[in-house]
Protein backbone atom coordinates (compact mmCIF):
# COMPACT_ATOMS: atom_id res chain seq x y z
CA ALA A 1 0.01 -0.02 -0.03
CA VAL A 2 2.81 2.35 0.86
CA PHE A 3 4.84 1.83 -2.32
CA ARG A 4 1.68 1.90 -4.48
CA HIS A 5 0.60 5.16 -2.87
CA MET A 6 3.99 6.70 -3.64
CA VAL A 7 3.89 5.37 -7.26
CA GLU A 8 0.39 6.88 -7.75
CA SER A 9 1.28 10.20 -6.05
CA GLN A 10 4.22 10.57 -8.41
CA ASN A 11 2.08 9.70 -11.48
CA LEU A 12 4.10 6.57 -12.21
CA SER A 13 1.25 3.99 -12.32
CA HIS A 14 1.67 3.76 -16.10
CA ALA A 15 5.30 2.63 -15.72
CA ILE A 16 5.36 0.71 -12.42
CA GLU A 17 3.34 -2.31 -11.33
CA ALA A 18 3.62 -3.55 -7.79
CA ASP A 19 2.12 -6.46 -5.86
CA SER A 20 2.65 -7.99 -2.52
CA CYS A 21 2.68 -11.68 -1.55
CA GLY A 22 3.99 -14.13 1.06
CA ILE A 23 6.18 -17.20 0.84
CA THR A 24 3.37 -19.51 2.00
CA ASP A 25 -0.49 -19.60 1.62
CA PHE A 26 -1.03 -19.52 5.39
CA HIS A 27 -3.17 -16.28 5.27
CA GLU A 28 -4.16 -16.45 1.61
CA GLY A 29 -7.25 -14.35 0.88
CA GLU A 30 -7.17 -12.59 4.26
CA PRO A 31 -6.73 -8.84 4.79
CA ALA A 32 -3.69 -7.43 6.56
CA ASP A 33 -3.58 -7.50 10.37
CA SER A 34 -5.97 -4.88 11.73
CA ARG A 35 -3.11 -3.09 13.51
CA SER A 36 -1.23 -2.84 10.17
CA ARG A 37 -4.26 -1.43 8.46
CA GLU A 38 -4.95 1.11 11.27
CA THR A 39 -1.32 2.27 11.34
CA ALA A 40 -1.24 2.62 7.56
CA GLU A 41 -4.53 4.45 7.47
CA SER A 42 -3.42 6.88 10.19
CA HIS A 43 -0.66 7.86 7.77
CA GLY A 44 -2.85 8.08 4.69
CA PHE A 45 -2.28 4.69 3.15
CA ASP A 46 -5.28 2.62 2.13
CA MET A 47 -4.91 -1.15 2.62
CA SER A 48 -8.63 -1.98 2.45
CA GLY A 49 -8.50 -3.77 -0.90
CA LEU A 50 -5.39 -5.81 -0.21
CA ARG A 51 -5.60 -9.51 0.39
CA ALA A 52 -2.80 -12.01 1.12
CA ARG A 53 -1.58 -14.32 -1.62
CA ARG A 54 1.46 -16.49 -1.96
CA LEU A 55 4.43 -16.16 -4.32
CA LEU A 56 3.69 -17.83 -7.64
CA ALA A 57 6.00 -19.12 -10.41
CA ILE A 58 4.72 -16.50 -12.81
CA ASP A 59 5.94 -13.76 -10.36
CA TYR A 60 9.50 -14.68 -11.34
CA GLU A 61 8.75 -13.69 -14.92
CA ARG A 62 6.26 -10.90 -14.25
CA PHE A 63 8.21 -8.59 -11.93
CA ASP A 64 11.62 -6.93 -12.27
CA TYR A 65 12.26 -7.14 -8.54
CA LEU A 66 11.32 -9.79 -5.97
CA LEU A 67 11.80 -8.07 -2.61
CA ALA A 68 11.97 -9.87 0.74
CA MET A 69 11.30 -8.45 4.18
CA ASP A 70 13.98 -10.60 5.80
CA GLY A 71 16.80 -12.91 5.07
CA SER A 72 14.85 -16.18 5.55
CA HIS A 73 12.30 -15.01 2.96
CA LEU A 74 15.02 -13.98 0.55
CA ARG A 75 16.62 -17.42 0.84
CA GLU A 76 13.23 -19.04 0.10
CA ILE A 77 12.68 -16.76 -2.93
CA LEU A 78 16.15 -17.68 -4.27
CA ASP A 79 15.81 -21.38 -3.53
CA ARG A 80 12.35 -21.51 -5.07
CA GLY A 81 13.62 -19.69 -8.15
CA LYS A 82 16.36 -22.35 -8.56
CA ARG A 83 13.78 -25.19 -8.21
CA LEU A 84 11.60 -23.53 -10.80
CA LYS A 85 14.64 -22.96 -13.00
CA ALA A 86 13.60 -19.23 -13.10
CA ASP A 87 15.88 -16.75 -14.81
CA LEU A 88 16.57 -14.93 -11.61
CA ASP A 89 19.49 -12.49 -11.57
CA PRO A 90 20.50 -12.07 -7.87
CA ALA A 91 20.20 -8.34 -8.31
CA ARG A 92 16.45 -8.80 -8.97
CA ALA A 93 15.89 -10.63 -5.64
CA CYS A 94 17.06 -8.66 -2.64
CA LEU A 95 15.94 -7.37 0.72
CA PHE A 96 13.51 -4.54 0.65
CA MET A 97 15.66 -2.62 3.17
CA ASP A 98 18.57 -2.66 0.70
CA PHE A 99 16.78 0.39 -0.73
CA ALA A 100 17.12 2.25 2.58
CA PRO A 101 20.76 1.63 3.62
CA HIS A 102 20.71 4.69 5.91
CA MET A 103 18.29 2.84 8.18
CA LYS A 104 21.15 0.36 9.00
CA LEU A 105 18.73 -2.56 9.23
CA ARG A 106 18.60 -5.37 6.77
CA ASP A 107 15.41 -7.18 8.02
CA VAL A 108 12.00 -5.74 8.56
CA PRO A 109 10.85 -7.17 11.91
CA ASP A 110 7.51 -8.78 12.29
CA PRO A 111 5.46 -6.51 14.53
CA TYR A 112 2.69 -9.06 15.13
CA TYR A 113 3.68 -9.96 18.71
CA GLY A 114 4.68 -6.48 19.82
CA GLY A 115 2.86 -3.33 20.62
CA ASP A 116 1.57 -0.52 18.38
CA ASP A 117 4.95 1.11 18.31
CA GLY A 118 6.29 -1.88 16.40
CA PHE A 119 3.77 -1.26 13.61
CA GLU A 120 4.80 2.43 13.53
CA ARG A 121 8.48 1.52 13.24
CA VAL A 122 7.81 -1.00 10.51
CA LEU A 123 5.77 1.56 8.53
CA GLU A 124 8.71 4.07 8.87
CA MET A 125 11.04 1.44 7.47
CA ILE A 126 8.70 0.56 4.59
CA GLU A 127 8.29 4.24 3.68
CA ALA A 128 12.11 4.69 3.65
CA ALA A 129 12.68 1.60 1.45
CA SER A 130 9.81 2.59 -0.84
CA ARG A 131 11.36 6.01 -1.41
CA GLY A 132 14.69 4.35 -2.17
CA LEU A 133 13.11 1.79 -4.53
CA ILE A 134 11.38 4.58 -6.49
CA GLU A 135 14.71 6.45 -6.73
CA THR A 136 16.38 3.27 -8.05
CA ILE A 137 13.64 2.64 -10.57
CA HIS A 138 13.95 6.23 -11.75
CA ARG A 139 17.65 5.94 -12.13
CA ASP A 140 17.84 2.48 -13.66
CA HIS A 141 14.61 1.99 -15.60
CA LEU A 142 12.85 5.21 -16.49
């Protein structure tokens, strides 16, 4: 929702397509955690239409970047790509926080078991990485 909002606000929807998915189908079809939605909405990001889905084989062909929130998810993306024999340049699969090196964190923590401040912190991280990703796309692709 954050990245999509930034893409739309910069009138880049014609050039950038974004989607979000998980490694497993554990929450497939469900909306985001209510605390995530509330935090995002309090900052002007609409998550109401988003539903969980899992990473599909077609995603390896469809998207220029496959971004992971943490190292274990990145390893799974890379391993699955090998099993699928996907043409996956390692530069296309990376940690989302690689686009916000000033944050000095590589993994986005899961705020599920913490308090509301964890959701605020994660949103701050996602905003920073989203800005960096858009800058990278501008520099390398547009």
